[in-house]
C-alpha cells in the first residue's frame, strides 16, 4: 500500500491518539464517583418507595386518631347531656335508671376508645420514628450523591477536556492521511481493539510478534511501505533496511 513518510508518521500518531482517547474514556467510565452516584440513586429509589409506604401508614394512623377523637368528643357531649338529664329527673327513678344505663354505656365506649387511641398512638409514634430514620437516610444519600457528583464533574471535566483536545488533534492528523489508507486503518482498528498499526521488526510483526518467514516475508516487503501482517492482518509499516 502506498503512503508517504509523512502519512506513515501521521498514521502512527493517529493510532497513539486513538489509544489515548480510549484510555481517557476508560478512566472516565471507571471513575469511582460514577459507581457511588449510581449506587446512591438505586438506594435512594428503594428507600423513597419505603418512605411512600410509611407516609401512607402515617396518614392512616392520623385518620384513625381523628375519628377516635371526633367520636370521643361527640360522646363527651352526649355524656354531659345525659348527666344533665339525670340531674333534672329528681324523683323519676325509671328515667334515672334508664339514663344511668345509657350513661354507663357511654362511659364504657369512651374507655374503650381511650384504650384504642393509646394503641393507635403508640403505632403512630413507631411510624413517626421510622419515618424520621428514613428521612435521615435519604438526606445522607443525597449528600453522598451530591459530593460524588461534584467530584465527578471536577475530575471528569478534566478528562473530558483532554479527550476534546485529543479529538481535535485527531481530526487534524486524519486530514493529512489518504482517504483509502484512512478507511483501511479505521476498519482494522475496529477489528483489533484500537491497535491497527505495527512496525515490521526484522521478520516479526511488531504487534502480534508472529514470525514472518520465507516467501511471506518477501511478499510483505514487496508491498512496502505498508503491508498486512499475514498472521493478525494489522497494517505493518515496512521501513527501509538500516532504519
C-alpha atoms as a PDB file:
ATOM      1  CA  UNK A   1       0.000   0.000   0.000  1.00  0.00           C
ATOM      2  CA  UNK A   2       1.351   3.388  -0.988  1.00  0.00           C
ATOM      3  CA  UNK A   3       1.997   6.032   1.650  1.00  0.00           C
ATOM      4  CA  UNK A   4       4.417   8.889   2.040  1.00  0.00           C
ATOM      5  CA  UNK A   5       6.766   9.062   5.045  1.00  0.00           C
ATOM      6  CA  UNK A   6       4.634  11.916   6.375  1.00  0.00           C
ATOM      7  CA  UNK A   7       1.482   9.795   6.084  1.00  0.00           C
ATOM      8  CA  UNK A   8       3.159   6.918   7.904  1.00  0.00           C
ATOM      9  CA  UNK A   9       4.192   9.204  10.738  1.00  0.00           C
ATOM     10  CA  UNK A  10       0.655  10.621  10.802  1.00  0.00           C
ATOM     11  CA  UNK A  11      -0.815   7.111  10.860  1.00  0.00           C
ATOM     12  CA  UNK A  12       1.331   6.109  13.836  1.00  0.00           C
ATOM     13  CA  UNK A  13       0.453   9.362  15.593  1.00  0.00           C
ATOM     14  CA  UNK A  14      -3.234   8.786  14.842  1.00  0.00           C
ATOM     15  CA  UNK A  15      -3.086   5.363  16.431  1.00  0.00           C
ATOM     16  CA  UNK A  16      -1.429   6.786  19.548  1.00  0.00           C
ATOM     17  CA  UNK A  17      -4.116   9.470  19.793  1.00  0.00           C
ATOM     18  CA  UNK A  18      -6.866   6.867  19.427  1.00  0.00           C
ATOM     19  CA  UNK A  19      -5.295   4.744  22.161  1.00  0.00           C
ATOM     20  CA  UNK A  20      -5.011   7.797  24.398  1.00  0.00           C
ATOM     21  CA  UNK A  21      -8.679   8.626  23.785  1.00  0.00           C
ATOM     22  CA  UNK A  22      -9.661   5.044  24.613  1.00  0.00           C
ATOM     23  CA  UNK A  23      -7.637   5.207  27.817  1.00  0.00           C
ATOM     24  CA  UNK A  24      -9.121   8.549  28.839  1.00  0.00           C
ATOM     25  CA  UNK A  25     -12.654   7.314  28.171  1.00  0.00           C
ATOM     26  CA  UNK A  26     -11.899   4.192  30.195  1.00  0.00           C
ATOM     27  CA  UNK A  27     -10.729   6.322  33.106  1.00  0.00           C
ATOM     28  CA  UNK A  28     -13.836   8.493  32.794  1.00  0.00           C
ATOM     29  CA  UNK A  29     -16.168   5.497  32.794  1.00  0.00           C
ATOM     30  CA  UNK A  30     -14.343   3.859  35.702  1.00  0.00           C
ATOM     31  CA  UNK A  31     -14.216   6.881  37.987  1.00  0.00           C
ATOM     32  CA  UNK A  32     -15.249   5.615  41.447  1.00  0.00           C
ATOM     33  CA  UNK A  33     -17.582   8.588  41.830  1.00  0.00           C
ATOM     34  CA  UNK A  34     -19.716   7.252  38.977  1.00  0.00           C
ATOM     35  CA  UNK A  35     -20.290   3.996  40.876  1.00  0.00           C
ATOM     36  CA  UNK A  36     -21.094   5.914  44.070  1.00  0.00           C
ATOM     37  CA  UNK A  37     -23.656   8.034  42.192  1.00  0.00           C
ATOM     38  CA  UNK A  38     -25.327   5.022  40.573  1.00  0.00           C
ATOM     39  CA  UNK A  39     -25.490   3.050  43.841  1.00  0.00           C
ATOM     40  CA  UNK A  40     -26.738   6.081  45.807  1.00  0.00           C
ATOM     41  CA  UNK A  41     -29.528   6.628  43.289  1.00  0.00           C
ATOM     42  CA  UNK A  42     -30.574   2.973  43.422  1.00  0.00           C
ATOM     43  CA  UNK A  43     -30.627   3.015  47.229  1.00  0.00           C
ATOM     44  CA  UNK A  44     -32.482   6.321  47.246  1.00  0.00           C
ATOM     45  CA  UNK A  45     -35.133   4.934  44.900  1.00  0.00           C
ATOM     46  CA  UNK A  46     -35.637   1.880  47.118  1.00  0.00           C
ATOM     47  CA  UNK A  47     -35.787   3.952  50.299  1.00  0.00           C
ATOM     48  CA  UNK A  48     -38.083   6.511  48.648  1.00  0.00           C
ATOM     49  CA  UNK A  49     -40.559   3.715  47.873  1.00  0.00           C
ATOM     50  CA  UNK A  50     -40.383   2.620  51.501  1.00  0.00           C
ATOM     51  CA  UNK A  51     -40.854   6.236  52.556  1.00  0.00           C
ATOM     52  CA  UNK A  52     -44.055   6.476  50.494  1.00  0.00           C
ATOM     53  CA  UNK A  53     -45.372   3.346  52.205  1.00  0.00           C
ATOM     54  CA  UNK A  54     -44.561   4.747  55.640  1.00  0.00           C
ATOM     55  CA  UNK A  55     -46.243   8.056  54.817  1.00  0.00           C
ATOM     56  CA  UNK A  56     -49.382   6.140  53.809  1.00  0.00           C
ATOM     57  CA  UNK A  57     -49.325   4.284  57.138  1.00  0.00           C
ATOM     58  CA  UNK A  58     -48.817   7.579  58.949  1.00  0.00           C
ATOM     59  CA  UNK A  59     -51.818   9.152  57.205  1.00  0.00           C
ATOM     60  CA  UNK A  60     -53.958   6.115  58.056  1.00  0.00           C
ATOM     61  CA  UNK A  61     -52.930   6.328  61.712  1.00  0.00           C
ATOM     62  CA  UNK A  62     -53.700  10.046  61.840  1.00  0.00           C
ATOM     63  CA  UNK A  63     -57.133   9.464  60.263  1.00  0.00           C
ATOM     64  CA  UNK A  64     -57.869   6.808  62.885  1.00  0.00           C
ATOM     65  CA  UNK A  65     -56.869   9.190  65.676  1.00  0.00           C
ATOM     66  CA  UNK A  66     -59.064  11.920  64.221  1.00  0.00           C
ATOM     67  CA  UNK A  67     -62.047   9.536  64.014  1.00  0.00           C
ATOM     68  CA  UNK A  68     -61.470   8.387  67.603  1.00  0.00           C
ATOM     69  CA  UNK A  69     -61.157  11.952  68.870  1.00  0.00           C
ATOM     70  CA  UNK A  70     -64.266  13.017  66.965  1.00  0.00           C
ATOM     71  CA  UNK A  71     -66.261  10.115  68.351  1.00  0.00           C
ATOM     72  CA  UNK A  72     -64.986  10.732  71.866  1.00  0.00           C
ATOM     73  CA  UNK A  73     -65.864  14.433  71.638  1.00  0.00           C
ATOM     74  CA  UNK A  74     -69.362  13.510  70.464  1.00  0.00           C
ATOM     75  CA  UNK A  75     -69.710  11.004  73.315  1.00  0.00           C
ATOM     76  CA  UNK A  76     -68.453  13.549  75.836  1.00  0.00           C
ATOM     77  CA  UNK A  77     -71.119  15.985  74.688  1.00  0.00           C
ATOM     78  CA  UNK A  78     -73.747  13.258  74.854  1.00  0.00           C
ATOM     79  CA  UNK A  79     -72.478  12.206  78.268  1.00  0.00           C
ATOM     80  CA  UNK A  80     -72.838  15.738  79.541  1.00  0.00           C
ATOM     81  CA  UNK A  81     -76.416  15.842  78.246  1.00  0.00           C
ATOM     82  CA  UNK A  82     -77.372  12.512  79.838  1.00  0.00           C
ATOM     83  CA  UNK A  83     -75.855  13.555  83.132  1.00  0.00           C
ATOM     84  CA  UNK A  84     -77.832  16.794  82.975  1.00  0.00           C
ATOM     85  CA  UNK A  85     -80.993  14.786  82.287  1.00  0.00           C
ATOM     86  CA  UNK A  86     -80.292  12.567  85.305  1.00  0.00           C
ATOM     87  CA  UNK A  87     -79.781  15.597  87.497  1.00  0.00           C
ATOM     88  CA  UNK A  88     -83.061  17.079  86.283  1.00  0.00           C
ATOM     89  CA  UNK A  89     -85.043  13.861  86.729  1.00  0.00           C
ATOM     90  CA  UNK A  90     -85.043  14.154  90.532  1.00  0.00           C
ATOM     91  CA  UNK A  91     -87.564  11.532  91.782  1.00  0.00           C
ATOM     92  CA  UNK A  92     -88.267   9.931  88.390  1.00  0.00           C
ATOM     93  CA  UNK A  93     -86.417   6.713  89.181  1.00  0.00           C
ATOM     94  CA  UNK A  94     -87.310   4.916  85.966  1.00  0.00           C
ATOM     95  CA  UNK A  95     -85.961   7.790  83.937  1.00  0.00           C
ATOM     96  CA  UNK A  96     -82.910   7.973  86.157  1.00  0.00           C
ATOM     97  CA  UNK A  97     -82.311   4.214  85.790  1.00  0.00           C
ATOM     98  CA  UNK A  98     -82.612   4.337  82.015  1.00  0.00           C
ATOM     99  CA  UNK A  99     -80.419   7.368  81.800  1.00  0.00           C
ATOM    100  CA  UNK A 100     -77.878   5.786  84.131  1.00  0.00           C
ATOM    101  CA  UNK A 101     -77.653   2.693  81.908  1.00  0.00           C
ATOM    102  CA  UNK A 102     -77.173   4.966  78.898  1.00  0.00           C
ATOM    103  CA  UNK A 103     -74.507   6.879  80.783  1.00  0.00           C
ATOM    104  CA  UNK A 104     -72.724   3.649  81.727  1.00  0.00           C
ATOM    105  CA  UNK A 105     -72.733   2.596  78.087  1.00  0.00           C
ATOM    106  CA  UNK A 106     -71.236   5.914  77.047  1.00  0.00           C
ATOM    107  CA  UNK A 107     -68.556   5.684  79.719  1.00  0.00           C
ATOM    108  CA  UNK A 108     -67.681   2.134  78.641  1.00  0.00           C
ATOM    109  CA  UNK A 109     -67.410   3.201  74.998  1.00  0.00           C
ATOM    110  CA  UNK A 110     -65.228   6.167  75.929  1.00  0.00           C
ATOM    111  CA  UNK A 111     -62.999   3.876  77.989  1.00  0.00           C
ATOM    112  CA  UNK A 112     -62.617   1.501  75.038  1.00  0.00           C
ATOM    113  CA  UNK A 113     -61.895   4.432  72.751  1.00  0.00           C
ATOM    114  CA  UNK A 114     -59.223   5.611  75.163  1.00  0.00           C
ATOM    115  CA  UNK A 115     -57.508   2.214  75.040  1.00  0.00           C
ATOM    116  CA  UNK A 116     -57.837   2.039  71.252  1.00  0.00           C
ATOM    117  CA  UNK A 117     -56.433   5.538  70.939  1.00  0.00           C
ATOM    118  CA  UNK A 118     -53.431   4.619  73.093  1.00  0.00           C
ATOM    119  CA  UNK A 119     -52.748   1.630  70.833  1.00  0.00           C
ATOM    120  CA  UNK A 120     -53.119   3.672  67.642  1.00  0.00           C
ATOM    121  CA  UNK A 121     -50.978   6.485  69.092  1.00  0.00           C
ATOM    122  CA  UNK A 122     -48.227   4.027  70.007  1.00  0.00           C
ATOM    123  CA  UNK A 123     -48.302   2.689  66.450  1.00  0.00           C
ATOM    124  CA  UNK A 124     -48.275   6.240  65.083  1.00  0.00           C
ATOM    125  CA  UNK A 125     -45.228   7.017  67.250  1.00  0.00           C
ATOM    126  CA  UNK A 126     -43.402   3.989  65.821  1.00  0.00           C
ATOM    127  CA  UNK A 127     -44.331   5.030  62.300  1.00  0.00           C
ATOM    128  CA  UNK A 128     -43.138   8.571  63.016  1.00  0.00           C
ATOM    129  CA  UNK A 129     -39.813   7.293  64.335  1.00  0.00           C
ATOM    130  CA  UNK A 130     -39.373   5.074  61.265  1.00  0.00           C
ATOM    131  CA  UNK A 131     -40.261   7.991  59.009  1.00  0.00           C
ATOM    132  CA  UNK A 132     -37.616  10.145  60.719  1.00  0.00           C
ATOM    133  CA  UNK A 133     -34.994   7.399  60.198  1.00  0.00           C
ATOM    134  CA  UNK A 134     -35.881   7.115  56.525  1.00  0.00           C
ATOM    135  CA  UNK A 135     -35.725  10.893  56.086  1.00  0.00           C
ATOM    136  CA  UNK A 136     -32.264  10.907  57.664  1.00  0.00           C
ATOM    137  CA  UNK A 137     -31.128   8.072  55.396  1.00  0.00           C
ATOM    138  CA  UNK A 138     -32.426   9.966  52.355  1.00  0.00           C
ATOM    139  CA  UNK A 139     -30.618  13.127  53.429  1.00  0.00           C
ATOM    140  CA  UNK A 140     -27.367  11.189  53.884  1.00  0.00           C
ATOM    141  CA  UNK A 141     -27.714   9.529  50.476  1.00  0.00           C
ATOM    142  CA  UNK A 142     -28.478  12.868  48.823  1.00  0.00           C
ATOM    143  CA  UNK A 143     -25.398  14.383  50.464  1.00  0.00           C
ATOM    144  CA  UNK A 144     -23.290  11.404  49.334  1.00  0.00           C
ATOM    145  CA  UNK A 145     -24.585  11.665  45.775  1.00  0.00           C
ATOM    146  CA  UNK A 146     -24.116  15.440  45.726  1.00  0.00           C
ATOM    147  CA  UNK A 147     -20.487  15.117  46.891  1.00  0.00           C
ATOM    148  CA  UNK A 148     -19.735  12.353  44.375  1.00  0.00           C
ATOM    149  CA  UNK A 149     -21.381  14.386  41.592  1.00  0.00           C
ATOM    150  CA  UNK A 150     -19.266  17.428  42.384  1.00  0.00           C
ATOM    151  CA  UNK A 151     -16.090  15.320  42.396  1.00  0.00           C
ATOM    152  CA  UNK A 152     -17.153  13.601  39.175  1.00  0.00           C
ATOM    153  CA  UNK A 153     -17.767  16.937  37.455  1.00  0.00           C
ATOM    154  CA  UNK A 154     -14.364  18.196  38.614  1.00  0.00           C
ATOM    155  CA  UNK A 155     -12.286  15.140  37.735  1.00  0.00           C
ATOM    156  CA  UNK A 156     -14.429  14.122  34.777  1.00  0.00           C
ATOM    157  CA  UNK A 157     -14.292  17.668  33.436  1.00  0.00           C
ATOM    158  CA  UNK A 158     -10.514  17.474  33.227  1.00  0.00           C
ATOM    159  CA  UNK A 159     -10.694  14.144  31.399  1.00  0.00           C
ATOM    160  CA  UNK A 160     -13.369  15.440  29.027  1.00  0.00           C
ATOM    161  CA  UNK A 161     -11.245  18.456  28.187  1.00  0.00           C
ATOM    162  CA  UNK A 162      -8.285  16.179  27.464  1.00  0.00           C
ATOM    163  CA  UNK A 163     -10.477  13.968  25.285  1.00  0.00           C
ATOM    164  CA  UNK A 164     -11.763  17.024  23.420  1.00  0.00           C
ATOM    165  CA  UNK A 165      -8.209  18.232  22.787  1.00  0.00           C
ATOM    166  CA  UNK A 166      -7.143  14.786  21.576  1.00  0.00           C
ATOM    167  CA  UNK A 167     -10.205  14.528  19.333  1.00  0.00           C
ATOM    168  CA  UNK A 168      -9.398  17.879  17.769  1.00  0.00           C
ATOM    169  CA  UNK A 169      -5.802  16.795  17.140  1.00  0.00           C
ATOM    170  CA  UNK A 170      -7.055  13.507  15.724  1.00  0.00           C
ATOM    171  CA  UNK A 171      -9.219  15.292  13.191  1.00  0.00           C
ATOM    172  CA  UNK A 172      -6.280  17.434  12.126  1.00  0.00           C
ATOM    173  CA  UNK A 173      -3.975  14.420  11.758  1.00  0.00           C
ATOM    174  CA  UNK A 174      -6.620  12.383   9.901  1.00  0.00           C
ATOM    175  CA  UNK A 175      -6.927  15.124   7.267  1.00  0.00           C
ATOM    176  CA  UNK A 176      -3.276  14.544   6.268  1.00  0.00           C
ATOM    177  CA  UNK A 177      -3.817  10.847   5.513  1.00  0.00           C
ATOM    178  CA  UNK A 178      -5.002   9.451   2.184  1.00  0.00           C
ATOM    179  CA  UNK A 179      -8.706   8.507   2.215  1.00  0.00           C
ATOM    180  CA  UNK A 180      -8.113   4.878   1.188  1.00  0.00           C
ATOM    181  CA  UNK A 181      -5.428   4.404   3.830  1.00  0.00           C
ATOM    182  CA  UNK A 182      -7.646   6.078   6.409  1.00  0.00           C
ATOM    183  CA  UNK A 183     -10.550   3.753   5.562  1.00  0.00           C
ATOM    184  CA  UNK A 184      -8.306   0.702   5.878  1.00  0.00           C
ATOM    185  CA  UNK A 185      -6.972   1.965   9.212  1.00  0.00           C
ATOM    186  CA  UNK A 186     -10.472   2.607  10.578  1.00  0.00           C
ATOM    187  CA  UNK A 187     -11.720  -0.879   9.652  1.00  0.00           C
ATOM    188  CA  UNK A 188      -8.604  -2.559  11.025  1.00  0.00           C
ATOM    189  CA  UNK A 189      -8.734  -0.528  14.223  1.00  0.00           C
ATOM    190  CA  UNK A 190     -12.354  -1.528  14.833  1.00  0.00           C
ATOM    191  CA  UNK A 191     -11.442  -5.174  14.376  1.00  0.00           C
ATOM    192  CA  UNK A 192      -8.290  -5.145  16.516  1.00  0.00           C
ATOM    193  CA  UNK A 193      -9.400  -3.101  19.518  1.00  0.00           C
ATOM    194  CA  UNK A 194      -7.646   0.095  18.501  1.00  0.00           C
ATOM    195  CA  UNK A 195      -4.193  -1.307  17.660  1.00  0.00           C
ATOM    196  CA  UNK A 196      -4.311  -1.325  13.877  1.00  0.00           C
ATOM    197  CA  UNK A 197      -0.706  -0.427  13.009  1.00  0.00           C
ATOM    198  CA  UNK A 198       2.605  -2.027  13.873  1.00  0.00           C
ATOM    199  CA  UNK A 199       6.148  -1.931  12.589  1.00  0.00           C
ATOM    200  CA  UNK A 200       7.912  -4.869  10.991  1.00  0.00           C
ATOM    201  CA  UNK A 201      10.756  -5.764  13.335  1.00  0.00           C
ATOM    202  CA  UNK A 202      13.185  -7.990  11.472  1.00  0.00           C
ATOM    203  CA  UNK A 203      10.985 -10.887  10.470  1.00  0.00           C
ATOM    204  CA  UNK A 204       8.284 -10.413  13.141  1.00  0.00           C
ATOM    205  CA  UNK A 205       5.117  -8.393  13.462  1.00  0.00           C
ATOM    206  CA  UNK A 206       5.744  -5.649  15.987  1.00  0.00           C
ATOM    207  CA  UNK A 207       2.258  -6.169  17.476  1.00  0.00           C
ATOM    208  CA  UNK A 208       1.326  -9.869  17.489  1.00  0.00           C
ATOM    209  CA  UNK A 209       5.041 -10.939  17.424  1.00  0.00           C
ATOM    210  CA  UNK A 210       4.284 -13.712  14.959  1.00  0.00           C
ATOM    211  CA  UNK A 211       7.330 -14.711  12.826  1.00  0.00           C
ATOM    212  CA  UNK A 212       7.058 -13.981   9.117  1.00  0.00           C
ATOM    213  CA  UNK A 213       9.401 -16.132   7.111  1.00  0.00           C
ATOM    214  CA  UNK A 214      10.264 -17.168   3.590  1.00  0.00           C
ATOM    215  CA  UNK A 215       8.041 -16.146   0.748  1.00  0.00           C
ATOM    216  CA  UNK A 216       5.579 -14.368   3.033  1.00  0.00           C
ATOM    217  CA  UNK A 217       8.289 -12.010   4.224  1.00  0.00           C
ATOM    218  CA  UNK A 218       9.396 -11.362   0.656  1.00  0.00           C
ATOM    219  CA  UNK A 219       5.802 -10.660  -0.425  1.00  0.00           C
ATOM    220  CA  UNK A 220       5.271  -8.351   2.552  1.00  0.00           C
ATOM    221  CA  UNK A 221       8.397  -6.321   1.854  1.00  0.00           C
ATOM    222  CA  UNK A 222       7.311  -6.032  -1.761  1.00  0.00           C
ATOM    223  CA  UNK A 223       4.248  -4.125  -0.506  1.00  0.00           C
ATOM    224  CA  UNK A 224       6.377  -1.534   1.301  1.00  0.00           C
ATOM    225  CA  UNK A 225       5.968   0.929   2.848  1.00  0.00           C
ATOM    226  CA  UNK A 226       2.788  -0.633   4.333  1.00  0.00           C
ATOM    227  CA  UNK A 227       1.502  -4.178   4.097  1.00  0.00           C
ATOM    228  CA  UNK A 228      -0.771  -6.536   6.067  1.00  0.00           C
ATOM    229  CA  UNK A 229       0.621  -8.881   8.709  1.00  0.00           C
ATOM    230  CA  UNK A 230      -0.017 -12.443   7.456  1.00  0.00           C
ATOM    231  CA  UNK A 231      -0.947 -13.522  10.990  1.00  0.00           C
ATOM    232  CA  UNK A 232      -3.056 -10.739  12.572  1.00  0.00           C
ATOM    233  CA  UNK A 233      -3.867  -8.744   9.405  1.00  0.00           C
ATOM    234  CA  UNK A 234      -2.790  -5.482  11.017  1.00  0.00           C
ATOM    235  CA  UNK A 235      -1.085  -2.806   8.960  1.00  0.00           C
ATOM    236  CA  UNK A 236       2.677  -3.203   9.164  1.00  0.00           C
ATOM    237  CA  UNK A 237       4.995  -0.322   8.462  1.00  0.00           C
ATOM    238  CA  UNK A 238       7.954  -1.640   6.491  1.00  0.00           C
ATOM    239  CA  UNK A 239      10.911   0.617   6.898  1.00  0.00           C
ATOM    240  CA  UNK A 240      13.897   0.544   4.525  1.00  0.00           C
ATOM    241  CA  UNK A 241      16.812  -1.597   5.687  1.00  0.00           C
ATOM    242  CA  UNK A 242      19.009   0.231   8.170  1.00  0.00           C
ATOM    243  CA  UNK A 243      16.274   2.484   9.592  1.00  0.00           C
END
